[in-house]
C-alpha atoms as a PDB file:
ATOM      1  CA  MET A   1       0.000   0.000   0.000  1.00  0.00           C
ATOM      2  CA  ASN A   2       1.236   3.460  -0.807  1.00  0.00           C
ATOM      3  CA  THR A   3       1.344   5.118   2.608  1.00  0.00           C
ATOM      4  CA  ALA A   4       2.766   8.381   1.255  1.00  0.00           C
ATOM      5  CA  ALA A   5      -0.632   9.509  -0.066  1.00  0.00           C
ATOM      6  CA  SER A   6      -2.671  12.082   1.781  1.00  0.00           C
ATOM      7  CA  HIS A   7      -5.591   9.664   2.057  1.00  0.00           C
ATOM      8  CA  VAL A   8      -5.944   5.962   2.699  1.00  0.00           C
ATOM      9  CA  PRO A   9      -8.062   4.137   0.123  1.00  0.00           C
ATOM     10  CA  LEU A  10     -10.832   2.118   1.690  1.00  0.00           C
ATOM     11  CA  LEU A  11     -12.556  -0.879   0.208  1.00  0.00           C
ATOM     12  CA  LYS A  12     -16.317  -0.807   0.338  1.00  0.00           C
ATOM     13  CA  GLN A  13     -17.662  -3.330   2.774  1.00  0.00           C
ATOM     14  CA  SER A  14     -19.894  -5.897   1.218  1.00  0.00           C
ATOM     15  CA  ARG A  15     -21.443  -9.051   2.587  1.00  0.00           C
ATOM     16  CA  SER A  16     -21.174 -10.722  -0.802  1.00  0.00           C
ATOM     17  CA  ARG A  17     -17.484  -9.952  -1.306  1.00  0.00           C
ATOM     18  CA  ASP A  18     -14.415 -11.059   0.607  1.00  0.00           C
ATOM     19  CA  TYR A  19     -11.035  -9.451   0.083  1.00  0.00           C
ATOM     20  CA  VAL A  20      -7.582 -10.969   0.302  1.00  0.00           C
ATOM     21  CA  PHE A  21      -4.709  -8.660   1.187  1.00  0.00           C
ATOM     22  CA  ILE A  22      -1.689 -10.037  -0.613  1.00  0.00           C
ATOM     23  CA  LEU A  23       2.028  -9.815   0.145  1.00  0.00           C
ATOM     24  CA  GLU A  24       1.491  -8.993   3.813  1.00  0.00           C
ATOM     25  CA  GLU A  25       4.384 -11.250   4.778  1.00  0.00           C
ATOM     26  CA  LEU A  26       6.817  -9.251   2.642  1.00  0.00           C
ATOM     27  CA  GLU A  27       8.703  -6.080   3.521  1.00  0.00           C
ATOM     28  CA  LEU A  28       8.098  -3.785   0.570  1.00  0.00           C
ATOM     29  CA  ALA A  29       9.994  -0.717   1.800  1.00  0.00           C
ATOM     30  CA  PHE A  30      13.596  -0.310   0.709  1.00  0.00           C
ATOM     31  CA  PRO A  31      16.194   2.254   1.716  1.00  0.00           C
ATOM     32  CA  VAL A  32      17.110   4.261  -1.411  1.00  0.00           C
ATOM     33  CA  GLU A  33      20.724   3.075  -1.271  1.00  0.00           C
ATOM     34  CA  GLN A  34      19.662  -0.585  -1.064  1.00  0.00           C
ATOM     35  CA  LEU A  35      17.249  -0.241  -3.991  1.00  0.00           C
ATOM     36  CA  GLU A  36      19.974   1.370  -6.091  1.00  0.00           C
ATOM     37  CA  LEU A  37      22.468  -1.361  -5.156  1.00  0.00           C
ATOM     38  CA  ILE A  38      19.970  -4.122  -5.984  1.00  0.00           C
ATOM     39  CA  THR A  39      19.395  -2.507  -9.381  1.00  0.00           C
ATOM     40  CA  ASN A  40      23.122  -2.121 -10.038  1.00  0.00           C
ATOM     41  CA  GLN A  41      23.799  -5.724  -9.015  1.00  0.00           C
ATOM     42  CA  TRP A  42      21.071  -6.984 -11.356  1.00  0.00           C
ATOM     43  CA  ASN A  43      22.263  -4.800 -14.253  1.00  0.00           C
ATOM     44  CA  ALA A  44      25.816  -6.097 -13.682  1.00  0.00           C
ATOM     45  CA  GLY A  45      24.652  -9.702 -14.141  1.00  0.00           C
ATOM     46  CA  MET A  46      24.083 -10.936 -10.591  1.00  0.00           C
ATOM     47  CA  GLU A  47      21.250 -13.458 -10.193  1.00  0.00           C
ATOM     48  CA  LEU A  48      18.112 -12.615  -8.237  1.00  0.00           C
ATOM     49  CA  GLU A  49      18.647 -15.314  -5.590  1.00  0.00           C
ATOM     50  CA  ASP A  50      22.230 -14.164  -5.007  1.00  0.00           C
ATOM     51  CA  ILE A  51      21.103 -10.554  -4.643  1.00  0.00           C
ATOM     52  CA  ALA A  52      18.475 -11.642  -2.108  1.00  0.00           C
ATOM     53  CA  LYS A  53      21.079 -13.570  -0.121  1.00  0.00           C
ATOM     54  CA  TRP A  54      23.502 -10.606  -0.244  1.00  0.00           C
ATOM     55  CA  HIS A  55      20.862  -8.263   1.201  1.00  0.00           C
ATOM     56  CA  LYS A  56      19.296 -10.848   3.535  1.00  0.00           C
ATOM     57  CA  ARG A  57      15.938 -10.270   1.850  1.00  0.00           C
ATOM     58  CA  LYS A  58      13.382 -12.703   0.474  1.00  0.00           C
ATOM     59  CA  SER A  59      13.791 -13.334  -3.235  1.00  0.00           C
ATOM     60  CA  GLU A  60      10.184 -12.204  -3.742  1.00  0.00           C
ATOM     61  CA  GLU A  61      11.063  -8.814  -2.233  1.00  0.00           C
ATOM     62  CA  VAL A  62      14.040  -8.444  -4.574  1.00  0.00           C
ATOM     63  CA  PHE A  63      11.854  -9.488  -7.521  1.00  0.00           C
ATOM     64  CA  LEU A  64       9.318  -6.791  -6.645  1.00  0.00           C
ATOM     65  CA  ALA A  65      12.091  -4.218  -6.176  1.00  0.00           C
ATOM     66  CA  LEU A  66      13.412  -5.024  -9.647  1.00  0.00           C
ATOM     67  CA  PHE A  67       9.891  -4.947 -11.074  1.00  0.00           C
ATOM     68  CA  HIS A  68       9.472  -1.477  -9.588  1.00  0.00           C
ATOM     69  CA  GLN A  69      12.823  -0.348 -10.986  1.00  0.00           C
ATOM     70  CA  ALA A  70      11.950  -1.794 -14.415  1.00  0.00           C
ATOM     71  CA  MET A  71       8.756   0.267 -14.427  1.00  0.00           C
ATOM     72  CA  GLU A  72      10.936   3.299 -13.636  1.00  0.00           C
ATOM     73  CA  LYS A  73      13.170   2.337 -16.619  1.00  0.00           C
ATOM     74  CA  LYS A  74      16.205   1.842 -14.375  1.00  0.00           C
ATOM     75  CA  VAL A  75      16.777  -1.813 -15.277  1.00  0.00           C
ATOM     76  CA  THR A  76      19.021  -2.259 -18.317  1.00  0.00           C
ATOM     77  CA  ARG A  77      19.361  -6.048 -18.263  1.00  0.00           C
ATOM     78  CA  ALA A  78      16.432  -8.161 -19.418  1.00  0.00           C
ATOM     79  CA  PHE A  79      14.218  -8.750 -16.406  1.00  0.00           C
ATOM     80  CA  ALA A  80      10.922 -10.291 -17.475  1.00  0.00           C
ATOM     81  CA  TYR A  81       9.689 -11.501 -20.809  1.00  0.00           C
ATOM     82  CA  ARG A  82       6.247 -11.229 -22.357  1.00  0.00           C
ATOM     83  CA  LYS A  83       4.904 -13.384 -25.117  1.00  0.00           C
ATOM     84  CA  ARG A  84       4.122 -11.324 -28.163  1.00  0.00           C
ATOM     85  CA  GLY A  85       0.928 -11.987 -30.060  1.00  0.00           C
ATOM     86  CA  GLY A  86      -1.140 -15.055 -29.264  1.00  0.00           C
END
């Protein structure tokens, strides 16, 4: 959840709908220096699992950090592939 916003989004309560909050077991905040280092390590060729071990973070957290950085166009090494067409 983006906690930097001036308001907290609320889900409408509904008896017919249940919600699942995902990724609660992950730490999704990163110090700026750590996020930059993770990105640099990935761009230099280091594998995701090795980066996670280096930073003592879950590999899922490192994956999401790299996903974030890819969306910010800071990842220069291929990160994720999409099928074209079909």
